[in-house]
């Protein structure tokens, strides 16, 4: 299993890594450390420093470790910054994600869990928010995540990539670490 969590504050990635290891799963963390730090990686996880845009390294890790599923949590996730630097967000969140699923396709890895966001809904038309509401992001962060979700649908149809997108709302407090 490969796990990528170059995510600001590393919270979700760190908690999921710990839970996977506690459940007995072999866990590989692939991270470029642009926001993260090595100390946040669970000591029982295998750590590989690499970037999603480096397809050669991605393919090497997928093959070397015989990866059977990917949990993709690498994202730039600061809404305000996404408005002032949209290219950075599309490059990392969309282009980087496409690099990952292309490497997965080339290595015959067919299962993906994608860390998406509630930001794809924008200003909700109703509350509580559920999946039937329209997708109407109001910033490049939400738009880049939605664009990748849409690409996943097409990768599933064309290449048999099975995926689940998790749309988080205000994650907090699952661990003391």
C-alpha atoms as a PDB file:
ATOM      1  CA  UNK A   1       0.000   0.000   0.000  1.00  0.00           C
ATOM      2  CA  UNK A   2       1.280   3.477  -0.798  1.00  0.00           C
ATOM      3  CA  UNK A   3       0.191   6.537   1.078  1.00  0.00           C
ATOM      4  CA  UNK A   4       0.970  10.091   0.095  1.00  0.00           C
ATOM      5  CA  UNK A   5       0.438  12.916   2.542  1.00  0.00           C
ATOM      6  CA  UNK A   6       2.288  16.062   1.511  1.00  0.00           C
ATOM      7  CA  UNK A   7      -0.686  17.914   2.957  1.00  0.00           C
ATOM      8  CA  UNK A   8      -0.462  21.093   5.050  1.00  0.00           C
ATOM      9  CA  UNK A   9      -0.290  20.206   8.733  1.00  0.00           C
ATOM     10  CA  UNK A  10      -0.199  16.482   7.788  1.00  0.00           C
ATOM     11  CA  UNK A  11      -3.041  15.729  10.143  1.00  0.00           C
ATOM     12  CA  UNK A  12      -5.231  13.389   8.102  1.00  0.00           C
ATOM     13  CA  UNK A  13      -2.275  11.597   6.535  1.00  0.00           C
ATOM     14  CA  UNK A  14      -0.583  11.004   9.872  1.00  0.00           C
ATOM     15  CA  UNK A  15      -3.731   9.622  11.487  1.00  0.00           C
ATOM     16  CA  UNK A  16      -4.542   7.343   8.549  1.00  0.00           C
ATOM     17  CA  UNK A  17      -0.957   6.073   8.422  1.00  0.00           C
ATOM     18  CA  UNK A  18      -1.062   5.221  12.110  1.00  0.00           C
ATOM     19  CA  UNK A  19      -4.404   3.423  11.746  1.00  0.00           C
ATOM     20  CA  UNK A  20      -3.187   1.409   8.750  1.00  0.00           C
ATOM     21  CA  UNK A  21      -0.065   0.320  10.608  1.00  0.00           C
ATOM     22  CA  UNK A  22      -2.057  -0.532  13.736  1.00  0.00           C
ATOM     23  CA  UNK A  23      -4.322  -2.701  11.549  1.00  0.00           C
ATOM     24  CA  UNK A  24      -1.272  -4.582  10.254  1.00  0.00           C
ATOM     25  CA  UNK A  25      -1.021  -3.064   6.775  1.00  0.00           C
ATOM     26  CA  UNK A  26       2.344  -2.550   5.110  1.00  0.00           C
ATOM     27  CA  UNK A  27       2.404   1.216   4.546  1.00  0.00           C
ATOM     28  CA  UNK A  28       4.637   3.256   2.276  1.00  0.00           C
ATOM     29  CA  UNK A  29       4.518   7.042   2.655  1.00  0.00           C
ATOM     30  CA  UNK A  30       5.496   8.927  -0.514  1.00  0.00           C
ATOM     31  CA  UNK A  31       5.923  12.631   0.230  1.00  0.00           C
ATOM     32  CA  UNK A  32       7.876  15.553  -1.203  1.00  0.00           C
ATOM     33  CA  UNK A  33       8.000  17.241   2.232  1.00  0.00           C
ATOM     34  CA  UNK A  34       7.083  20.620   0.717  1.00  0.00           C
ATOM     35  CA  UNK A  35       4.764  21.201   3.667  1.00  0.00           C
ATOM     36  CA  UNK A  36       5.516  18.160   5.759  1.00  0.00           C
ATOM     37  CA  UNK A  37       8.402  17.018   7.845  1.00  0.00           C
ATOM     38  CA  UNK A  38       9.978  13.607   8.153  1.00  0.00           C
ATOM     39  CA  UNK A  39       9.249  13.406  11.885  1.00  0.00           C
ATOM     40  CA  UNK A  40       5.487  13.295  11.159  1.00  0.00           C
ATOM     41  CA  UNK A  41       5.850   9.934   9.399  1.00  0.00           C
ATOM     42  CA  UNK A  42       5.083   6.936  11.592  1.00  0.00           C
ATOM     43  CA  UNK A  43       8.348   5.108  12.429  1.00  0.00           C
ATOM     44  CA  UNK A  44       6.942   1.776  11.184  1.00  0.00           C
ATOM     45  CA  UNK A  45       6.058   3.169   7.752  1.00  0.00           C
ATOM     46  CA  UNK A  46       8.479   2.962   4.847  1.00  0.00           C
ATOM     47  CA  UNK A  47       9.247   6.518   3.754  1.00  0.00           C
ATOM     48  CA  UNK A  48      10.089   7.535   0.179  1.00  0.00           C
ATOM     49  CA  UNK A  49      10.831  11.172  -0.599  1.00  0.00           C
ATOM     50  CA  UNK A  50       9.404  11.986  -4.005  1.00  0.00           C
ATOM     51  CA  UNK A  51       7.087  14.267  -5.920  1.00  0.00           C
ATOM     52  CA  UNK A  52       3.856  13.350  -7.688  1.00  0.00           C
ATOM     53  CA  UNK A  53       5.134  15.029 -10.838  1.00  0.00           C
ATOM     54  CA  UNK A  54       8.040  12.564 -10.995  1.00  0.00           C
ATOM     55  CA  UNK A  55       6.366   9.709 -12.852  1.00  0.00           C
ATOM     56  CA  UNK A  56       9.542   7.641 -13.070  1.00  0.00           C
ATOM     57  CA  UNK A  57      10.014   7.583  -9.292  1.00  0.00           C
ATOM     58  CA  UNK A  58       6.303   6.915  -8.756  1.00  0.00           C
ATOM     59  CA  UNK A  59       6.374   3.927 -11.113  1.00  0.00           C
ATOM     60  CA  UNK A  60       9.514   2.632  -9.420  1.00  0.00           C
ATOM     61  CA  UNK A  61       7.889   2.772  -5.973  1.00  0.00           C
ATOM     62  CA  UNK A  62       4.673   1.152  -7.203  1.00  0.00           C
ATOM     63  CA  UNK A  63       6.633  -1.707  -8.780  1.00  0.00           C
ATOM     64  CA  UNK A  64       9.315  -2.159  -6.113  1.00  0.00           C
ATOM     65  CA  UNK A  65       6.791  -2.405  -3.298  1.00  0.00           C
ATOM     66  CA  UNK A  66       4.127  -4.331  -5.278  1.00  0.00           C
ATOM     67  CA  UNK A  67       1.521  -1.724  -4.348  1.00  0.00           C
ATOM     68  CA  UNK A  68      -2.081  -2.901  -4.588  1.00  0.00           C
ATOM     69  CA  UNK A  69      -3.903   0.268  -3.471  1.00  0.00           C
ATOM     70  CA  UNK A  70      -3.157   3.976  -3.144  1.00  0.00           C
ATOM     71  CA  UNK A  71      -4.498   6.520  -0.689  1.00  0.00           C
ATOM     72  CA  UNK A  72      -3.880   9.903  -2.305  1.00  0.00           C
ATOM     73  CA  UNK A  73      -3.816  12.752   0.186  1.00  0.00           C
ATOM     74  CA  UNK A  74      -1.218  15.018  -1.399  1.00  0.00           C
ATOM     75  CA  UNK A  75      -2.663  18.476  -1.894  1.00  0.00           C
ATOM     76  CA  UNK A  76      -2.076  22.117  -1.425  1.00  0.00           C
ATOM     77  CA  UNK A  77      -5.113  23.075   0.642  1.00  0.00           C
ATOM     78  CA  UNK A  78      -5.007  26.759   1.567  1.00  0.00           C
ATOM     79  CA  UNK A  79      -8.078  28.400   0.037  1.00  0.00           C
ATOM     80  CA  UNK A  80      -6.777  31.981   0.174  1.00  0.00           C
ATOM     81  CA  UNK A  81      -3.430  31.030  -1.338  1.00  0.00           C
ATOM     82  CA  UNK A  82      -5.235  29.160  -4.119  1.00  0.00           C
ATOM     83  CA  UNK A  83      -6.913  32.410  -5.160  1.00  0.00           C
ATOM     84  CA  UNK A  84      -3.624  34.329  -5.375  1.00  0.00           C
ATOM     85  CA  UNK A  85      -1.603  31.407  -6.821  1.00  0.00           C
ATOM     86  CA  UNK A  86      -4.038  29.261  -8.838  1.00  0.00           C
ATOM     87  CA  UNK A  87      -1.338  27.794 -11.111  1.00  0.00           C
ATOM     88  CA  UNK A  88       0.388  26.260  -8.076  1.00  0.00           C
ATOM     89  CA  UNK A  89      -2.861  24.539  -7.063  1.00  0.00           C
ATOM     90  CA  UNK A  90      -3.760  23.198 -10.496  1.00  0.00           C
ATOM     91  CA  UNK A  91      -0.203  21.959 -11.022  1.00  0.00           C
ATOM     92  CA  UNK A  92      -0.043  20.073  -7.730  1.00  0.00           C
ATOM     93  CA  UNK A  93      -3.636  19.018  -7.138  1.00  0.00           C
ATOM     94  CA  UNK A  94      -4.702  18.231 -10.704  1.00  0.00           C
ATOM     95  CA  UNK A  95      -1.550  17.631 -12.767  1.00  0.00           C
ATOM     96  CA  UNK A  96       0.167  15.832  -9.865  1.00  0.00           C
ATOM     97  CA  UNK A  97      -2.917  13.677  -9.356  1.00  0.00           C
ATOM     98  CA  UNK A  98      -3.022  12.790 -13.048  1.00  0.00           C
ATOM     99  CA  UNK A  99       0.658  11.856 -12.885  1.00  0.00           C
ATOM    100  CA  UNK A 100      -0.163   9.518 -10.012  1.00  0.00           C
ATOM    101  CA  UNK A 101      -3.092   7.774 -11.709  1.00  0.00           C
ATOM    102  CA  UNK A 102      -1.105   7.434 -14.930  1.00  0.00           C
ATOM    103  CA  UNK A 103       1.695   5.733 -12.988  1.00  0.00           C
ATOM    104  CA  UNK A 104      -0.899   3.518 -11.307  1.00  0.00           C
ATOM    105  CA  UNK A 105      -2.363   2.609 -14.711  1.00  0.00           C
ATOM    106  CA  UNK A 106       1.068   1.752 -16.098  1.00  0.00           C
ATOM    107  CA  UNK A 107       1.773  -0.452 -13.054  1.00  0.00           C
ATOM    108  CA  UNK A 108      -1.682  -2.081 -13.022  1.00  0.00           C
ATOM    109  CA  UNK A 109      -2.687  -0.641  -9.640  1.00  0.00           C
ATOM    110  CA  UNK A 110      -6.469  -0.417  -9.790  1.00  0.00           C
ATOM    111  CA  UNK A 111      -7.619   0.895  -6.389  1.00  0.00           C
ATOM    112  CA  UNK A 112      -7.496   4.479  -5.150  1.00  0.00           C
ATOM    113  CA  UNK A 113      -8.896   6.393  -2.190  1.00  0.00           C
ATOM    114  CA  UNK A 114      -8.787  10.120  -2.927  1.00  0.00           C
ATOM    115  CA  UNK A 115      -8.769  12.794  -0.255  1.00  0.00           C
ATOM    116  CA  UNK A 116     -11.107  15.392  -1.739  1.00  0.00           C
ATOM    117  CA  UNK A 117     -12.849  18.298  -0.017  1.00  0.00           C
ATOM    118  CA  UNK A 118     -16.195  19.856   0.830  1.00  0.00           C
ATOM    119  CA  UNK A 119     -14.888  22.936  -1.036  1.00  0.00           C
ATOM    120  CA  UNK A 120     -16.215  21.388  -4.255  1.00  0.00           C
ATOM    121  CA  UNK A 121     -19.725  22.422  -3.137  1.00  0.00           C
ATOM    122  CA  UNK A 122     -18.885  26.115  -2.770  1.00  0.00           C
ATOM    123  CA  UNK A 123     -21.633  28.022  -0.981  1.00  0.00           C
ATOM    124  CA  UNK A 124     -24.196  25.285  -0.343  1.00  0.00           C
ATOM    125  CA  UNK A 125     -27.742  25.744  -1.596  1.00  0.00           C
ATOM    126  CA  UNK A 126     -29.034  23.851   1.446  1.00  0.00           C
ATOM    127  CA  UNK A 127     -27.891  22.333   4.709  1.00  0.00           C
ATOM    128  CA  UNK A 128     -27.117  19.738   5.668  1.00  0.00           C
ATOM    129  CA  UNK A 129     -24.894  19.202   2.645  1.00  0.00           C
ATOM    130  CA  UNK A 130     -25.160  15.849   0.893  1.00  0.00           C
ATOM    131  CA  UNK A 131     -23.833  14.415  -2.363  1.00  0.00           C
ATOM    132  CA  UNK A 132     -26.978  15.385  -4.292  1.00  0.00           C
ATOM    133  CA  UNK A 133     -26.123  19.098  -4.058  1.00  0.00           C
ATOM    134  CA  UNK A 134     -24.523  20.733  -7.100  1.00  0.00           C
ATOM    135  CA  UNK A 135     -20.761  21.090  -7.319  1.00  0.00           C
ATOM    136  CA  UNK A 136     -19.957  24.791  -7.513  1.00  0.00           C
ATOM    137  CA  UNK A 137     -16.473  25.527  -6.142  1.00  0.00           C
ATOM    138  CA  UNK A 138     -15.692  29.163  -5.423  1.00  0.00           C
ATOM    139  CA  UNK A 139     -11.895  28.941  -5.441  1.00  0.00           C
ATOM    140  CA  UNK A 140      -9.075  27.192  -7.323  1.00  0.00           C
ATOM    141  CA  UNK A 141      -8.495  24.750  -4.450  1.00  0.00           C
ATOM    142  CA  UNK A 142     -12.035  23.358  -4.692  1.00  0.00           C
ATOM    143  CA  UNK A 143     -11.999  23.538  -8.481  1.00  0.00           C
ATOM    144  CA  UNK A 144      -8.720  21.596  -8.724  1.00  0.00           C
ATOM    145  CA  UNK A 145     -10.085  18.848  -6.464  1.00  0.00           C
ATOM    146  CA  UNK A 146     -13.336  18.632  -8.432  1.00  0.00           C
ATOM    147  CA  UNK A 147     -11.454  18.471 -11.745  1.00  0.00           C
ATOM    148  CA  UNK A 148      -9.446  15.519 -10.428  1.00  0.00           C
ATOM    149  CA  UNK A 149     -12.609  13.775  -9.173  1.00  0.00           C
ATOM    150  CA  UNK A 150     -14.086  14.139 -12.654  1.00  0.00           C
ATOM    151  CA  UNK A 151     -10.933  12.699 -14.219  1.00  0.00           C
ATOM    152  CA  UNK A 152     -11.181   9.694 -11.892  1.00  0.00           C
ATOM    153  CA  UNK A 153     -14.616   8.886 -13.291  1.00  0.00           C
ATOM    154  CA  UNK A 154     -13.148   8.698 -16.785  1.00  0.00           C
ATOM    155  CA  UNK A 155     -10.129   6.667 -15.631  1.00  0.00           C
ATOM    156  CA  UNK A 156     -12.540   4.199 -14.039  1.00  0.00           C
ATOM    157  CA  UNK A 157     -14.534   3.837 -17.264  1.00  0.00           C
ATOM    158  CA  UNK A 158     -11.504   3.593 -19.544  1.00  0.00           C
ATOM    159  CA  UNK A 159      -8.994   1.699 -17.393  1.00  0.00           C
ATOM    160  CA  UNK A 160     -10.972   0.053 -14.596  1.00  0.00           C
ATOM    161  CA  UNK A 161      -9.545   2.286 -11.863  1.00  0.00           C
ATOM    162  CA  UNK A 162     -11.780   1.709  -8.837  1.00  0.00           C
ATOM    163  CA  UNK A 163     -11.872   4.762  -6.596  1.00  0.00           C
ATOM    164  CA  UNK A 164     -13.600   6.464  -3.701  1.00  0.00           C
ATOM    165  CA  UNK A 165     -13.485  10.207  -3.072  1.00  0.00           C
ATOM    166  CA  UNK A 166     -13.703  11.391   0.529  1.00  0.00           C
ATOM    167  CA  UNK A 167     -15.029  14.948   0.911  1.00  0.00           C
ATOM    168  CA  UNK A 168     -13.888  16.152   4.320  1.00  0.00           C
ATOM    169  CA  UNK A 169     -15.564  18.772   6.490  1.00  0.00           C
ATOM    170  CA  UNK A 170     -13.550  20.239   9.389  1.00  0.00           C
ATOM    171  CA  UNK A 171     -11.375  17.287  10.382  1.00  0.00           C
ATOM    172  CA  UNK A 172     -10.261  17.427  14.009  1.00  0.00           C
ATOM    173  CA  UNK A 173      -9.193  15.472  17.052  1.00  0.00           C
ATOM    174  CA  UNK A 174      -8.715  11.780  16.253  1.00  0.00           C
ATOM    175  CA  UNK A 175      -5.401  11.302  18.026  1.00  0.00           C
ATOM    176  CA  UNK A 176      -3.250  12.744  20.765  1.00  0.00           C
ATOM    177  CA  UNK A 177      -0.151  12.804  18.511  1.00  0.00           C
END
